[in-house]
């Protein structure tokens, strides 16, 4: 869970740098999906980015 929160924060603060981790699927499935879930629930991530992340769930 801690790793998922870390990547949620990274997506909120440095989206362009962090999104490649999700595009390349470098995280295990649970962490990948949980980080996306947390980012989509966050007020700090833009609506446009949330829509992109929605399509990246495994």
PDB file of N, CA and C in Angstrom:
ATOM      1  N   UNK A   1       0.826  -1.190   0.000  1.00  0.00           N
ATOM      2  CA  UNK A   1       0.000   0.000   0.000  1.00  0.00           C
ATOM      3  C   UNK A   1       0.870   1.254   0.000  1.00  0.00           C
ATOM      4  N   UNK A   2       1.972   1.199   0.731  1.00  0.00           N
ATOM      5  CA  UNK A   2       2.864   2.362   0.796  1.00  0.00           C
ATOM      6  C   UNK A   2       3.426   2.701  -0.593  1.00  0.00           C
ATOM      7  N   UNK A   3       3.765   1.701  -1.356  1.00  0.00           N
ATOM      8  CA  UNK A   3       4.300   1.930  -2.703  1.00  0.00           C
ATOM      9  C   UNK A   3       3.215   2.540  -3.598  1.00  0.00           C
ATOM     10  N   UNK A   4       1.978   2.075  -3.442  1.00  0.00           N
ATOM     11  CA  UNK A   4       0.873   2.626  -4.227  1.00  0.00           C
ATOM     12  C   UNK A   4       0.662   4.104  -3.891  1.00  0.00           C
ATOM     13  N   UNK A   5       0.720   4.458  -2.617  1.00  0.00           N
ATOM     14  CA  UNK A   5       0.585   5.861  -2.220  1.00  0.00           C
ATOM     15  C   UNK A   5       1.741   6.689  -2.771  1.00  0.00           C
ATOM     16  N   UNK A   6       2.929   6.118  -2.768  1.00  0.00           N
ATOM     17  CA  UNK A   6       4.098   6.827  -3.311  1.00  0.00           C
ATOM     18  C   UNK A   6       3.865   7.181  -4.789  1.00  0.00           C
ATOM     19  N   UNK A   7       3.416   6.207  -5.562  1.00  0.00           N
ATOM     20  CA  UNK A   7       3.205   6.455  -6.985  1.00  0.00           C
ATOM     21  C   UNK A   7       2.004   7.366  -7.233  1.00  0.00           C
ATOM     22  N   UNK A   8       1.008   7.335  -6.367  1.00  0.00           N
ATOM     23  CA  UNK A   8      -0.110   8.282  -6.479  1.00  0.00           C
ATOM     24  C   UNK A   8       0.406   9.701  -6.302  1.00  0.00           C
ATOM     25  N   UNK A   9       1.257   9.911  -5.311  1.00  0.00           N
ATOM     26  CA  UNK A   9       1.833  11.236  -5.074  1.00  0.00           C
ATOM     27  C   UNK A   9       2.727  11.650  -6.238  1.00  0.00           C
ATOM     28  N   UNK A  10       3.490  10.711  -6.761  1.00  0.00           N
ATOM     29  CA  UNK A  10       4.347  11.011  -7.904  1.00  0.00           C
ATOM     30  C   UNK A  10       3.511  11.412  -9.120  1.00  0.00           C
ATOM     31  N   UNK A  11       2.392  10.737  -9.335  1.00  0.00           N
ATOM     32  CA  UNK A  11       1.510  11.098 -10.445  1.00  0.00           C
ATOM     33  C   UNK A  11       0.926  12.500 -10.246  1.00  0.00           C
ATOM     34  N   UNK A  12       0.623  12.850  -9.020  1.00  0.00           N
ATOM     35  CA  UNK A  12       0.055  14.169  -8.739  1.00  0.00           C
ATOM     36  C   UNK A  12       1.085  15.275  -8.938  1.00  0.00           C
ATOM     37  N   UNK A  13       2.335  15.005  -8.596  1.00  0.00           N
ATOM     38  CA  UNK A  13       3.355  16.054  -8.619  1.00  0.00           C
ATOM     39  C   UNK A  13       4.201  16.055  -9.892  1.00  0.00           C
ATOM     40  N   UNK A  14       4.470  14.873 -10.462  1.00  0.00           N
ATOM     41  CA  UNK A  14       5.315  14.772 -11.661  1.00  0.00           C
ATOM     42  C   UNK A  14       4.718  13.748 -12.626  1.00  0.00           C
ATOM     43  N   UNK A  15       3.555  14.065 -13.128  1.00  0.00           N
ATOM     44  CA  UNK A  15       2.809  13.128 -13.970  1.00  0.00           C
ATOM     45  C   UNK A  15       3.610  12.672 -15.186  1.00  0.00           C
ATOM     46  N   UNK A  16       4.204  13.623 -15.901  1.00  0.00           N
ATOM     47  CA  UNK A  16       4.905  13.290 -17.147  1.00  0.00           C
ATOM     48  C   UNK A  16       6.064  12.325 -16.937  1.00  0.00           C
ATOM     49  N   UNK A  17       6.723  12.432 -15.820  1.00  0.00           N
ATOM     50  CA  UNK A  17       7.847  11.546 -15.512  1.00  0.00           C
ATOM     51  C   UNK A  17       7.368  10.178 -15.035  1.00  0.00           C
ATOM     52  N   UNK A  18       6.309  10.165 -14.257  1.00  0.00           N
ATOM     53  CA  UNK A  18       5.845   8.945 -13.597  1.00  0.00           C
ATOM     54  C   UNK A  18       5.001   8.056 -14.494  1.00  0.00           C
ATOM     55  N   UNK A  19       4.304   8.623 -15.452  1.00  0.00           N
ATOM     56  CA  UNK A  19       3.378   7.847 -16.270  1.00  0.00           C
ATOM     57  C   UNK A  19       4.083   6.713 -17.029  1.00  0.00           C
ATOM     58  N   UNK A  20       5.364   6.873 -17.318  1.00  0.00           N
ATOM     59  CA  UNK A  20       6.095   5.823 -18.030  1.00  0.00           C
ATOM     60  C   UNK A  20       6.176   4.527 -17.221  1.00  0.00           C
ATOM     61  N   UNK A  21       6.189   4.626 -15.907  1.00  0.00           N
ATOM     62  CA  UNK A  21       6.196   3.430 -15.046  1.00  0.00           C
ATOM     63  C   UNK A  21       4.931   2.615 -15.297  1.00  0.00           C
ATOM     64  N   UNK A  22       3.817   3.294 -15.486  1.00  0.00           N
ATOM     65  CA  UNK A  22       2.547   2.609 -15.719  1.00  0.00           C
ATOM     66  C   UNK A  22       2.424   2.129 -17.166  1.00  0.00           C
ATOM     67  N   UNK A  23       2.955   2.874 -18.104  1.00  0.00           N
ATOM     68  CA  UNK A  23       2.927   2.454 -19.501  1.00  0.00           C
ATOM     69  C   UNK A  23       3.766   1.196 -19.723  1.00  0.00           C
ATOM     70  N   UNK A  24       4.887   1.109 -19.027  1.00  0.00           N
ATOM     71  CA  UNK A  24       5.775  -0.049 -19.159  1.00  0.00           C
ATOM     72  C   UNK A  24       5.392  -1.198 -18.230  1.00  0.00           C
ATOM     73  N   UNK A  25       4.411  -0.955 -17.358  1.00  0.00           N
ATOM     74  CA  UNK A  25       3.931  -1.960 -16.397  1.00  0.00           C
ATOM     75  C   UNK A  25       5.075  -2.534 -15.557  1.00  0.00           C
ATOM     76  N   UNK A  26       5.806  -1.650 -14.917  1.00  0.00           N
ATOM     77  CA  UNK A  26       6.953  -2.051 -14.097  1.00  0.00           C
ATOM     78  C   UNK A  26       6.564  -2.510 -12.696  1.00  0.00           C
ATOM     79  N   UNK A  27       5.352  -2.226 -12.278  1.00  0.00           N
ATOM     80  CA  UNK A  27       4.897  -2.605 -10.941  1.00  0.00           C
ATOM     81  C   UNK A  27       4.107  -3.914 -11.010  1.00  0.00           C
ATOM     82  N   UNK A  28       3.987  -4.588  -9.861  1.00  0.00           N
ATOM     83  CA  UNK A  28       3.142  -5.779  -9.844  1.00  0.00           C
ATOM     84  C   UNK A  28       1.686  -5.338 -10.023  1.00  0.00           C
ATOM     85  N   UNK A  29       0.830  -6.267 -10.402  1.00  0.00           N
ATOM     86  CA  UNK A  29      -0.549  -5.955 -10.781  1.00  0.00           C
ATOM     87  C   UNK A  29      -1.302  -5.225  -9.671  1.00  0.00           C
ATOM     88  N   UNK A  30      -1.225  -5.710  -8.432  1.00  0.00           N
ATOM     89  CA  UNK A  30      -1.973  -5.108  -7.336  1.00  0.00           C
ATOM     90  C   UNK A  30      -1.535  -3.666  -7.090  1.00  0.00           C
ATOM     91  N   UNK A  31      -0.231  -3.441  -7.024  1.00  0.00           N
ATOM     92  CA  UNK A  31       0.298  -2.098  -6.774  1.00  0.00           C
ATOM     93  C   UNK A  31      -0.041  -1.165  -7.928  1.00  0.00           C
ATOM     94  N   UNK A  32       0.080  -1.639  -9.139  1.00  0.00           N
ATOM     95  CA  UNK A  32      -0.258  -0.872 -10.338  1.00  0.00           C
ATOM     96  C   UNK A  32      -1.707  -0.374 -10.258  1.00  0.00           C
ATOM     97  N   UNK A  33      -2.621  -1.300 -10.033  1.00  0.00           N
ATOM     98  CA  UNK A  33      -4.038  -0.953  -9.996  1.00  0.00           C
ATOM     99  C   UNK A  33      -4.395  -0.088  -8.789  1.00  0.00           C
ATOM    100  N   UNK A  34      -3.794  -0.353  -7.639  1.00  0.00           N
ATOM    101  CA  UNK A  34      -4.090   0.419  -6.435  1.00  0.00           C
ATOM    102  C   UNK A  34      -3.586   1.853  -6.576  1.00  0.00           C
ATOM    103  N   UNK A  35      -2.426   2.040  -7.158  1.00  0.00           N
ATOM    104  CA  UNK A  35      -1.895   3.388  -7.378  1.00  0.00           C
ATOM    105  C   UNK A  35      -2.802   4.164  -8.325  1.00  0.00           C
ATOM    106  N   UNK A  36      -3.286   3.509  -9.364  1.00  0.00           N
ATOM    107  CA  UNK A  36      -4.223   4.152 -10.283  1.00  0.00           C
ATOM    108  C   UNK A  36      -5.517   4.501  -9.564  1.00  0.00           C
ATOM    109  N   UNK A  37      -6.019   3.593  -8.749  1.00  0.00           N
ATOM    110  CA  UNK A  37      -7.240   3.861  -7.987  1.00  0.00           C
ATOM    111  C   UNK A  37      -7.062   5.081  -7.093  1.00  0.00           C
ATOM    112  N   UNK A  38      -5.952   5.135  -6.362  1.00  0.00           N
ATOM    113  CA  UNK A  38      -5.696   6.257  -5.455  1.00  0.00           C
ATOM    114  C   UNK A  38      -5.519   7.566  -6.218  1.00  0.00           C
ATOM    115  N   UNK A  39      -4.878   7.516  -7.361  1.00  0.00           N
ATOM    116  CA  UNK A  39      -4.696   8.723  -8.168  1.00  0.00           C
ATOM    117  C   UNK A  39      -6.039   9.218  -8.692  1.00  0.00           C
ATOM    118  N   UNK A  40      -6.912   8.307  -9.083  1.00  0.00           N
ATOM    119  CA  UNK A  40      -8.223   8.702  -9.594  1.00  0.00           C
ATOM    120  C   UNK A  40      -9.117   9.245  -8.495  1.00  0.00           C
ATOM    121  N   UNK A  41      -8.856   8.889  -7.237  1.00  0.00           N
ATOM    122  CA  UNK A  41      -9.619   9.411  -6.107  1.00  0.00           C
ATOM    123  C   UNK A  41      -9.058  10.745  -5.611  1.00  0.00           C
ATOM    124  N   UNK A  42      -7.866  11.085  -6.044  1.00  0.00           N
ATOM    125  CA  UNK A  42      -7.178  12.274  -5.552  1.00  0.00           C
ATOM    126  C   UNK A  42      -7.697  13.549  -6.199  1.00  0.00           C
ATOM    127  N   UNK A  43      -7.727  14.620  -5.409  1.00  0.00           N
ATOM    128  CA  UNK A  43      -8.095  15.929  -5.938  1.00  0.00           C
ATOM    129  C   UNK A  43      -6.903  16.605  -6.614  1.00  0.00           C
ATOM    130  N   UNK A  44      -5.709  16.080  -6.395  1.00  0.00           N
ATOM    131  CA  UNK A  44      -4.493  16.696  -6.936  1.00  0.00           C
ATOM    132  C   UNK A  44      -4.194  16.275  -8.366  1.00  0.00           C
ATOM    133  N   UNK A  45      -4.862  15.256  -8.859  1.00  0.00           N
ATOM    134  CA  UNK A  45      -4.651  14.767 -10.228  1.00  0.00           C
ATOM    135  C   UNK A  45      -5.763  15.346 -11.102  1.00  0.00           C
ATOM    136  N   UNK A  46      -5.398  15.875 -12.262  1.00  0.00           N
ATOM    137  CA  UNK A  46      -6.382  16.510 -13.144  1.00  0.00           C
ATOM    138  C   UNK A  46      -7.355  15.474 -13.728  1.00  0.00           C
ATOM    139  N   UNK A  47      -8.509  15.957 -14.140  1.00  0.00           N
ATOM    140  CA  UNK A  47      -9.525  15.079 -14.728  1.00  0.00           C
ATOM    141  C   UNK A  47      -9.030  14.424 -16.018  1.00  0.00           C
ATOM    142  N   UNK A  48      -8.229  15.144 -16.793  1.00  0.00           N
ATOM    143  CA  UNK A  48      -7.684  14.580 -18.037  1.00  0.00           C
ATOM    144  C   UNK A  48      -6.747  13.415 -17.730  1.00  0.00           C
ATOM    145  N   UNK A  49      -5.928  13.581 -16.725  1.00  0.00           N
ATOM    146  CA  UNK A  49      -5.001  12.516 -16.341  1.00  0.00           C
ATOM    147  C   UNK A  49      -5.755  11.320 -15.758  1.00  0.00           C
ATOM    148  N   UNK A  50      -6.813  11.587 -15.045  1.00  0.00           N
ATOM    149  CA  UNK A  50      -7.629  10.495 -14.482  1.00  0.00           C
ATOM    150  C   UNK A  50      -8.221   9.629 -15.586  1.00  0.00           C
ATOM    151  N   UNK A  51      -8.646  10.257 -16.672  1.00  0.00           N
ATOM    152  CA  UNK A  51      -9.214   9.501 -17.793  1.00  0.00           C
ATOM    153  C   UNK A  51      -8.155   8.622 -18.461  1.00  0.00           C
ATOM    154  N   UNK A  52      -6.938   9.139 -18.589  1.00  0.00           N
ATOM    155  CA  UNK A  52      -5.834   8.352 -19.160  1.00  0.00           C
ATOM    156  C   UNK A  52      -5.544   7.155 -18.257  1.00  0.00           C
ATOM    157  N   UNK A  53      -5.495   7.395 -16.958  1.00  0.00           N
ATOM    158  CA  UNK A  53      -5.203   6.324 -16.003  1.00  0.00           C
ATOM    159  C   UNK A  53      -6.298   5.262 -15.973  1.00  0.00           C
ATOM    160  N   UNK A  54      -7.533   5.676 -16.183  1.00  0.00           N
ATOM    161  CA  UNK A  54      -8.649   4.746 -16.190  1.00  0.00           C
ATOM    162  C   UNK A  54      -8.434   3.628 -17.218  1.00  0.00           C
ATOM    163  N   UNK A  55      -7.885   3.982 -18.357  1.00  0.00           N
ATOM    164  CA  UNK A  55      -7.639   3.001 -19.405  1.00  0.00           C
ATOM    165  C   UNK A  55      -6.389   2.162 -19.207  1.00  0.00           C
ATOM    166  N   UNK A  56      -5.612   2.455 -18.182  1.00  0.00           N
ATOM    167  CA  UNK A  56      -4.362   1.735 -17.948  1.00  0.00           C
ATOM    168  C   UNK A  56      -4.479   0.634 -16.907  1.00  0.00           C
ATOM    169  N   UNK A  57      -5.646   0.439 -16.326  1.00  0.00           N
ATOM    170  CA  UNK A  57      -5.795  -0.623 -15.318  1.00  0.00           C
ATOM    171  C   UNK A  57      -5.577  -1.983 -15.963  1.00  0.00           C
ATOM    172  N   UNK A  58      -4.991  -2.861 -15.207  1.00  0.00           N
ATOM    173  CA  UNK A  58      -4.735  -4.227 -15.690  1.00  0.00           C
ATOM    174  C   UNK A  58      -5.902  -5.111 -15.268  1.00  0.00           C
TER     175      UNK A  58
END
